Amino acid sequence: MRGILAVAGLVVGLAISQPASAQSANARACDDPAPDRAIKGCSEIIEAGGERGMSLFQAHFNRGLAYAQRNRHLNAIADYDAALKIRRKDAAVLKSRCWSRSVAGRLTQAIEDCNAALALNPDDPDTLEMRGFTWRKMREFEKSLADYDAALALRPERADTLFGRGVTLYDMGVREDALADFAAARSLQPDIADRYARFGVRRAIDNYGSMTRTGAPSSHALTASTVSP
């Protein structure tokens, strides 16, 4: 993820054993950063039925990442499931499925995946960020804030993490700190609010402008609020 959204950048190289030039072309396409090409190439590898083990694992993983880029998260989850049947304890796949499950609204399962990924890789800021995003959707604001703080301690000045923490602080009523995080995030990545609008945080984003004109509580005071997602 370029923060959360850079999960789709985790694409791994395929070691496809098929010898024909068409099969090599499919392997290259499956590893392509363009999601539609990756989906097509990986699908042809999977549907050909000749791959086993890590080659099949990588084809499912790459296609899942490409589906996630296209916001087709249920398709992505199915591919991550298939990959995890081959390689059960893989932190990259688990955190990718955490993200897709979170966006798809499967929040309890998303937390389970993030927890499993963190058990394998405790200091991964992407997974902490994803879990913070999911806790916020579950209105577990203190847990969300703790994960965002931990992620920023490991990797400061990340636009996605700052913006996500700003949304959580906004929901908690800590508006001055939320505004500071939004501003810091947008200084790093000007279109961050537009990208986050895809993930159920429209209310906080819509209020960003009005927050600049009104007073606000400050400083991680953990004041609860009932702002809608």
C-alpha atoms as a PDB file:
ATOM      1  CA  MET A   1       0.000   0.000   0.000  1.00  0.00           C
ATOM      2  CA  ARG A   2       1.471   3.541  -0.560  1.00  0.00           C
ATOM      3  CA  GLY A   3       0.066   3.323   2.994  1.00  0.00           C
ATOM      4  CA  ILE A   4      -3.115   1.285   3.051  1.00  0.00           C
ATOM      5  CA  LEU A   5      -3.678   1.513  -0.657  1.00  0.00           C
ATOM      6  CA  ALA A   6      -0.240   0.151  -1.441  1.00  0.00           C
ATOM      7  CA  VAL A   7      -1.295  -3.393  -0.610  1.00  0.00           C
ATOM      8  CA  ALA A   8      -1.841  -3.622  -4.335  1.00  0.00           C
ATOM      9  CA  GLY A   9       1.887  -2.951  -4.740  1.00  0.00           C
ATOM     10  CA  LEU A  10       2.878  -6.177  -3.014  1.00  0.00           C
ATOM     11  CA  VAL A  11       2.851  -8.124  -6.275  1.00  0.00           C
ATOM     12  CA  VAL A  12       5.451 -10.852  -6.193  1.00  0.00           C
ATOM     13  CA  GLY A  13       7.418 -12.301  -9.094  1.00  0.00           C
ATOM     14  CA  LEU A  14       6.167 -15.560 -10.559  1.00  0.00           C
ATOM     15  CA  ALA A  15       8.450 -18.525 -11.126  1.00  0.00           C
ATOM     16  CA  ILE A  16       6.261 -20.222 -13.739  1.00  0.00           C
ATOM     17  CA  SER A  17       7.685 -23.512 -14.887  1.00  0.00           C
ATOM     18  CA  GLN A  18       5.751 -23.809 -18.153  1.00  0.00           C
ATOM     19  CA  PRO A  19       8.154 -23.658 -21.122  1.00  0.00           C
ATOM     20  CA  ALA A  20       6.062 -22.181 -24.007  1.00  0.00           C
ATOM     21  CA  SER A  21       6.297 -18.552 -25.032  1.00  0.00           C
ATOM     22  CA  ALA A  22       2.576 -18.052 -24.402  1.00  0.00           C
ATOM     23  CA  GLN A  23       3.042 -19.333 -20.848  1.00  0.00           C
ATOM     24  CA  SER A  24       5.988 -16.960 -20.348  1.00  0.00           C
ATOM     25  CA  ALA A  25       3.814 -14.111 -21.612  1.00  0.00           C
ATOM     26  CA  ASN A  26       1.123 -15.071 -19.096  1.00  0.00           C
ATOM     27  CA  ALA A  27       3.702 -15.088 -16.309  1.00  0.00           C
ATOM     28  CA  ARG A  28       4.857 -11.596 -17.280  1.00  0.00           C
ATOM     29  CA  ALA A  29       1.264 -10.383 -17.492  1.00  0.00           C
ATOM     30  CA  CYS A  30       0.422 -11.900 -14.104  1.00  0.00           C
ATOM     31  CA  ASP A  31       3.237  -9.834 -12.621  1.00  0.00           C
ATOM     32  CA  ASP A  32       2.154  -6.673 -14.471  1.00  0.00           C
ATOM     33  CA  PRO A  33       1.418  -3.557 -12.348  1.00  0.00           C
ATOM     34  CA  ALA A  34      -1.617  -2.846 -14.569  1.00  0.00           C
ATOM     35  CA  PRO A  35      -4.421  -4.716 -12.789  1.00  0.00           C
ATOM     36  CA  ASP A  36      -6.438  -5.737 -15.846  1.00  0.00           C
ATOM     37  CA  ARG A  37      -3.377  -7.295 -17.483  1.00  0.00           C
ATOM     38  CA  ALA A  38      -2.469  -9.028 -14.240  1.00  0.00           C
ATOM     39  CA  ILE A  39      -5.982 -10.443 -13.833  1.00  0.00           C
ATOM     40  CA  LYS A  40      -5.954 -11.785 -17.395  1.00  0.00           C
ATOM     41  CA  GLY A  41      -2.469 -13.289 -17.171  1.00  0.00           C
ATOM     42  CA  CYS A  42      -2.980 -14.847 -13.750  1.00  0.00           C
ATOM     43  CA  SER A  43      -6.400 -16.219 -14.749  1.00  0.00           C
ATOM     44  CA  GLU A  44      -4.909 -17.972 -17.764  1.00  0.00           C
ATOM     45  CA  ILE A  45      -2.218 -19.531 -15.569  1.00  0.00           C
ATOM     46  CA  ILE A  46      -4.730 -20.672 -12.945  1.00  0.00           C
ATOM     47  CA  GLU A  47      -7.270 -21.978 -15.455  1.00  0.00           C
ATOM     48  CA  ALA A  48      -4.629 -23.898 -17.436  1.00  0.00           C
ATOM     49  CA  GLY A  49      -4.316 -26.163 -14.403  1.00  0.00           C
ATOM     50  CA  GLY A  50      -0.653 -26.976 -14.847  1.00  0.00           C
ATOM     51  CA  GLU A  51       0.771 -25.117 -11.881  1.00  0.00           C
ATOM     52  CA  ARG A  52       1.173 -26.347  -8.324  1.00  0.00           C
ATOM     53  CA  GLY A  53       2.819 -25.142  -5.136  1.00  0.00           C
ATOM     54  CA  MET A  54       4.381 -21.705  -5.025  1.00  0.00           C
ATOM     55  CA  SER A  55       3.681 -20.882  -8.675  1.00  0.00           C
ATOM     56  CA  LEU A  56      -0.041 -21.400  -8.119  1.00  0.00           C
ATOM     57  CA  PHE A  57       0.165 -19.556  -4.792  1.00  0.00           C
ATOM     58  CA  GLN A  58       1.748 -16.553  -6.494  1.00  0.00           C
ATOM     59  CA  ALA A  59      -0.770 -16.535  -9.333  1.00  0.00           C
ATOM     60  CA  HIS A  60      -3.680 -16.435  -6.856  1.00  0.00           C
ATOM     61  CA  PHE A  61      -1.952 -13.810  -4.707  1.00  0.00           C
ATOM     62  CA  ASN A  62      -1.138 -11.563  -7.659  1.00  0.00           C
ATOM     63  CA  ARG A  63      -4.654 -11.854  -9.038  1.00  0.00           C
ATOM     64  CA  GLY A  64      -6.095 -11.073  -5.607  1.00  0.00           C
ATOM     65  CA  LEU A  65      -3.983  -7.926  -5.398  1.00  0.00           C
ATOM     66  CA  ALA A  66      -5.081  -6.900  -8.884  1.00  0.00           C
ATOM     67  CA  TYR A  67      -8.744  -7.459  -8.007  1.00  0.00           C
ATOM     68  CA  ALA A  68      -8.252  -5.310  -4.894  1.00  0.00           C
ATOM     69  CA  GLN A  69      -6.833  -2.528  -7.062  1.00  0.00           C
ATOM     70  CA  ARG A  70     -10.028  -2.703  -9.084  1.00  0.00           C
ATOM     71  CA  ASN A  71     -12.105  -2.557  -5.881  1.00  0.00           C
ATOM     72  CA  ARG A  72     -13.365  -6.102  -6.525  1.00  0.00           C
ATOM     73  CA  HIS A  73     -12.726  -7.201  -2.982  1.00  0.00           C
ATOM     74  CA  LEU A  74     -14.912 -10.314  -2.906  1.00  0.00           C
ATOM     75  CA  ASN A  75     -12.947 -11.678  -5.876  1.00  0.00           C
ATOM     76  CA  ALA A  76      -9.735 -10.710  -4.103  1.00  0.00           C
ATOM     77  CA  ILE A  77     -10.805 -12.544  -0.937  1.00  0.00           C
ATOM     78  CA  ALA A  78     -11.493 -15.730  -2.932  1.00  0.00           C
ATOM     79  CA  ASP A  79      -7.973 -15.620  -4.381  1.00  0.00           C
ATOM     80  CA  TYR A  80      -6.387 -14.919  -1.004  1.00  0.00           C
ATOM     81  CA  ASP A  81      -8.318 -17.898   0.395  1.00  0.00           C
ATOM     82  CA  ALA A  82      -6.889 -20.085  -2.370  1.00  0.00           C
ATOM     83  CA  ALA A  83      -3.357 -18.780  -1.772  1.00  0.00           C
ATOM     84  CA  LEU A  84      -3.621 -19.431   1.972  1.00  0.00           C
ATOM     85  CA  LYS A  85      -4.662 -23.034   1.345  1.00  0.00           C
ATOM     86  CA  ILE A  86      -1.237 -23.480  -0.251  1.00  0.00           C
ATOM     87  CA  ARG A  87       0.790 -21.347   2.181  1.00  0.00           C
ATOM     88  CA  ARG A  88      -1.194 -20.987   5.401  1.00  0.00           C
ATOM     89  CA  LYS A  89       1.084 -18.636   7.341  1.00  0.00           C
ATOM     90  CA  ASP A  90       1.919 -15.843   4.953  1.00  0.00           C
ATOM     91  CA  ALA A  91       1.840 -12.371   6.487  1.00  0.00           C
ATOM     92  CA  ALA A  92       1.537 -10.532   3.153  1.00  0.00           C
ATOM     93  CA  VAL A  93      -1.521 -12.516   2.080  1.00  0.00           C
ATOM     94  CA  LEU A  94      -3.106 -12.283   5.529  1.00  0.00           C
ATOM     95  CA  LYS A  95      -2.770  -8.510   5.670  1.00  0.00           C
ATOM     96  CA  SER A  96      -4.044  -8.198   2.095  1.00  0.00           C
ATOM     97  CA  ARG A  97      -7.102 -10.267   2.994  1.00  0.00           C
ATOM     98  CA  CYS A  98      -7.510  -8.148   6.140  1.00  0.00           C
ATOM     99  CA  TRP A  99      -7.783  -5.052   3.951  1.00  0.00           C
ATOM    100  CA  SER A 100     -10.217  -6.576   1.452  1.00  0.00           C
ATOM    101  CA  ARG A 101     -12.376  -8.001   4.229  1.00  0.00           C
ATOM    102  CA  SER A 102     -12.417  -4.618   5.954  1.00  0.00           C
ATOM    103  CA  VAL A 103     -13.459  -2.747   2.812  1.00  0.00           C
ATOM    104  CA  ALA A 104     -16.087  -5.443   2.117  1.00  0.00           C
ATOM    105  CA  GLY A 105     -17.527  -5.017   5.622  1.00  0.00           C
ATOM    106  CA  ARG A 106     -16.337  -8.353   7.039  1.00  0.00           C
ATOM    107  CA  LEU A 107     -14.864  -6.573  10.003  1.00  0.00           C
ATOM    108  CA  THR A 108     -14.437  -9.338  12.595  1.00  0.00           C
ATOM    109  CA  GLN A 109     -12.716 -11.550  10.024  1.00  0.00           C
ATOM    110  CA  ALA A 110     -10.543  -8.612   8.980  1.00  0.00           C
ATOM    111  CA  ILE A 111      -9.348  -8.122  12.559  1.00  0.00           C
ATOM    112  CA  GLU A 112      -8.553 -11.845  12.790  1.00  0.00           C
ATOM    113  CA  ASP A 113      -6.445 -11.626   9.617  1.00  0.00           C
ATOM    114  CA  CYS A 114      -4.588  -8.521  10.780  1.00  0.00           C
ATOM    115  CA  ASN A 115      -3.922 -10.165  14.151  1.00  0.00           C
ATOM    116  CA  ALA A 116      -2.567 -13.279  12.421  1.00  0.00           C
ATOM    117  CA  ALA A 117      -0.359 -11.150  10.149  1.00  0.00           C
ATOM    118  CA  LEU A 118       0.975  -9.176  13.136  1.00  0.00           C
ATOM    119  CA  ALA A 119       1.741 -12.416  14.979  1.00  0.00           C
ATOM    120  CA  LEU A 120       4.078 -13.229  12.084  1.00  0.00           C
ATOM    121  CA  ASN A 121       5.384  -9.686  11.566  1.00  0.00           C
ATOM    122  CA  PRO A 122       4.672  -7.551  14.657  1.00  0.00           C
ATOM    123  CA  ASP A 123       6.320  -4.352  13.442  1.00  0.00           C
ATOM    124  CA  ASP A 124       4.635  -4.017  10.066  1.00  0.00           C
ATOM    125  CA  PRO A 125       3.161  -0.491   9.852  1.00  0.00           C
ATOM    126  CA  ASP A 126       0.855  -1.361   6.947  1.00  0.00           C
ATOM    127  CA  THR A 127      -0.888  -4.067   8.972  1.00  0.00           C
ATOM    128  CA  LEU A 128      -1.182  -1.794  12.005  1.00  0.00           C
ATOM    129  CA  GLU A 129      -2.679   0.871   9.746  1.00  0.00           C
ATOM    130  CA  MET A 130      -5.182  -1.582   8.257  1.00  0.00           C
ATOM    131  CA  ARG A 131      -6.209  -2.803  11.685  1.00  0.00           C
ATOM    132  CA  GLY A 132      -6.586   0.795  12.850  1.00  0.00           C
ATOM    133  CA  PHE A 133      -8.823   1.467   9.838  1.00  0.00           C
ATOM    134  CA  THR A 134     -10.928  -1.599  10.700  1.00  0.00           C
ATOM    135  CA  TRP A 135     -11.212  -0.764  14.415  1.00  0.00           C
ATOM    136  CA  ARG A 136     -12.491   2.653  13.403  1.00  0.00           C
ATOM    137  CA  LYS A 137     -15.212   1.079  11.218  1.00  0.00           C
ATOM    138  CA  MET A 138     -16.185  -0.994  14.277  1.00  0.00           C
ATOM    139  CA  ARG A 139     -16.303   2.246  16.335  1.00  0.00           C
ATOM    140  CA  GLU A 140     -13.500   0.945  18.570  1.00  0.00           C
ATOM    141  CA  PHE A 141     -11.872   4.358  18.469  1.00  0.00           C
ATOM    142  CA  GLU A 142      -9.281   3.945  21.240  1.00  0.00           C
ATOM    143  CA  LYS A 143      -7.981   0.738  19.621  1.00  0.00           C
ATOM    144  CA  SER A 144      -7.949   2.439  16.235  1.00  0.00           C
ATOM    145  CA  LEU A 145      -5.985   5.401  17.573  1.00  0.00           C
ATOM    146  CA  ALA A 146      -3.469   3.101  19.295  1.00  0.00           C
ATOM    147  CA  ASP A 147      -2.801   1.235  16.041  1.00  0.00           C
ATOM    148  CA  TYR A 148      -2.398   4.428  14.025  1.00  0.00           C
ATOM    149  CA  ASP A 149      -0.028   5.839  16.655  1.00  0.00           C
ATOM    150  CA  ALA A 150       2.015   2.623  16.583  1.00  0.00           C
ATOM    151  CA  ALA A 151       2.148   2.665  12.776  1.00  0.00           C
ATOM    152  CA  LEU A 152       3.331   6.295  12.731  1.00  0.00           C
ATOM    153  CA  ALA A 153       5.962   5.555  15.372  1.00  0.00           C
ATOM    154  CA  LEU A 154       7.370   2.915  13.000  1.00  0.00           C
ATOM    155  CA  ARG A 155       6.921   4.988   9.825  1.00  0.00           C
ATOM    156  CA  PRO A 156       6.349   8.727  10.330  1.00  0.00           C
ATOM    157  CA  GLU A 157       5.025  11.095   7.678  1.00  0.00           C
ATOM    158  CA  ARG A 158       2.868   8.552   5.842  1.00  0.00           C
ATOM    159  CA  ALA A 159      -0.125  10.295   4.264  1.00  0.00           C
ATOM    160  CA  ASP A 160      -2.511   7.338   4.494  1.00  0.00           C
ATOM    161  CA  THR A 161      -1.769   6.747   8.166  1.00  0.00           C
ATOM    162  CA  LEU A 162      -2.029  10.412   9.087  1.00  0.00           C
ATOM    163  CA  PHE A 163      -5.325  10.791   7.274  1.00  0.00           C
ATOM    164  CA  GLY A 164      -6.725   7.597   8.806  1.00  0.00           C
ATOM    165  CA  ARG A 165      -5.743   8.754  12.278  1.00  0.00           C
ATOM    166  CA  GLY A 166      -7.355  12.110  11.523  1.00  0.00           C
ATOM    167  CA  VAL A 167     -10.641  10.389  10.704  1.00  0.00           C
ATOM    168  CA  THR A 168     -10.516   8.448  13.981  1.00  0.00           C
ATOM    169  CA  LEU A 169      -9.738  11.608  15.957  1.00  0.00           C
ATOM    170  CA  TYR A 170     -12.593  13.374  14.176  1.00  0.00           C
ATOM    171  CA  ASP A 171     -14.981  10.609  15.198  1.00  0.00           C
ATOM    172  CA  MET A 172     -13.730  10.877  18.782  1.00  0.00           C
ATOM    173  CA  GLY A 173     -14.446  14.606  18.847  1.00  0.00           C
ATOM    174  CA  VAL A 174     -10.773  15.591  18.995  1.00  0.00           C
ATOM    175  CA  ARG A 175     -11.239  17.954  16.086  1.00  0.00           C
ATOM    176  CA  GLU A 176      -8.152  20.159  16.419  1.00  0.00           C
ATOM    177  CA  ASP A 177      -5.815  17.168  16.262  1.00  0.00           C
ATOM    178  CA  ALA A 178      -7.902  15.676  13.458  1.00  0.00           C
ATOM    179  CA  LEU A 179      -7.505  18.869  11.461  1.00  0.00           C
ATOM    180  CA  ALA A 180      -3.737  18.814  12.023  1.00  0.00           C
ATOM    181  CA  ASP A 181      -3.521  15.211  10.770  1.00  0.00           C
ATOM    182  CA  PHE A 182      -5.674  15.983   7.712  1.00  0.00           C
ATOM    183  CA  ALA A 183      -3.493  18.968   6.851  1.00  0.00           C
ATOM    184  CA  ALA A 184      -0.269  16.978   7.306  1.00  0.00           C
ATOM    185  CA  ALA A 185      -1.609  14.150   5.155  1.00  0.00           C
ATOM    186  CA  ARG A 186      -2.686  16.497   2.388  1.00  0.00           C
ATOM    187  CA  SER A 187       0.679  18.256   2.421  1.00  0.00           C
ATOM    188  CA  LEU A 188       2.243  14.875   1.646  1.00  0.00           C
ATOM    189  CA  GLN A 189      -0.416  13.733  -0.812  1.00  0.00           C
ATOM    190  CA  PRO A 190      -2.911  16.359  -2.008  1.00  0.00           C
ATOM    191  CA  ASP A 191      -5.509  13.852  -3.291  1.00  0.00           C
ATOM    192  CA  ILE A 192      -5.607  11.761  -0.115  1.00  0.00           C
ATOM    193  CA  ALA A 193      -9.150  12.824   0.845  1.00  0.00           C
ATOM    194  CA  ASP A 194     -10.493  11.877  -2.578  1.00  0.00           C
ATOM    195  CA  ARG A 195      -8.933   8.415  -2.321  1.00  0.00           C
ATOM    196  CA  TYR A 196     -10.247   7.828   1.195  1.00  0.00           C
ATOM    197  CA  ALA A 197     -13.754   8.793   0.095  1.00  0.00           C
ATOM    198  CA  ARG A 198     -13.938   5.335  -1.492  1.00  0.00           C
ATOM    199  CA  PHE A 199     -13.650   3.626   1.871  1.00  0.00           C
ATOM    200  CA  GLY A 200     -16.604   4.835   3.923  1.00  0.00           C
ATOM    201  CA  VAL A 201     -15.194   8.020   5.470  1.00  0.00           C
ATOM    202  CA  ARG A 202     -17.188  10.552   3.455  1.00  0.00           C
ATOM    203  CA  ARG A 203     -18.747  12.275   6.488  1.00  0.00           C
ATOM    204  CA  ALA A 204     -15.420  13.298   8.013  1.00  0.00           C
ATOM    205  CA  ILE A 205     -14.079  14.401   4.642  1.00  0.00           C
ATOM    206  CA  ASP A 206     -17.168  16.490   3.911  1.00  0.00           C
ATOM    207  CA  ASN A 207     -16.679  18.240   7.233  1.00  0.00           C
ATOM    208  CA  TYR A 208     -13.009  18.985   6.604  1.00  0.00           C
ATOM    209  CA  GLY A 209     -13.756  22.484   5.285  1.00  0.00           C
ATOM    210  CA  SER A 210     -16.079  23.420   8.132  1.00  0.00           C
ATOM    211  CA  MET A 211     -13.513  22.226  10.683  1.00  0.00           C
ATOM    212  CA  THR A 212     -11.179  24.985   9.531  1.00  0.00           C
ATOM    213  CA  ARG A 213     -13.773  27.574  10.529  1.00  0.00           C
ATOM    214  CA  THR A 214     -14.972  26.269  13.912  1.00  0.00           C
ATOM    215  CA  GLY A 215     -13.495  25.697  17.320  1.00  0.00           C
ATOM    216  CA  ALA A 216     -12.552  22.163  18.339  1.00  0.00           C
ATOM    217  CA  PRO A 217     -11.439  20.144  21.316  1.00  0.00           C
ATOM    218  CA  SER A 218      -7.791  19.272  21.212  1.00  0.00           C
ATOM    219  CA  SER A 219      -4.993  16.944  21.978  1.00  0.00           C
ATOM    220  CA  HIS A 220      -5.863  13.210  22.048  1.00  0.00           C
ATOM    221  CA  ALA A 221      -8.404  13.905  24.803  1.00  0.00           C
ATOM    222  CA  LEU A 222     -10.337  10.801  23.710  1.00  0.00           C
ATOM    223  CA  THR A 223     -13.679  12.561  23.879  1.00  0.00           C
ATOM    224  CA  ALA A 224     -16.291  10.224  22.383  1.00  0.00           C
ATOM    225  CA  SER A 225     -18.628  11.401  19.630  1.00  0.00           C
ATOM    226  CA  THR A 226     -21.331   9.831  17.514  1.00  0.00           C
ATOM    227  CA  VAL A 227     -20.260  11.006  14.068  1.00  0.00           C
ATOM    228  CA  SER A 228     -21.513   8.608  11.382  1.00  0.00           C
ATOM    229  CA  PRO A 229     -19.078   6.827   9.069  1.00  0.00           C
END
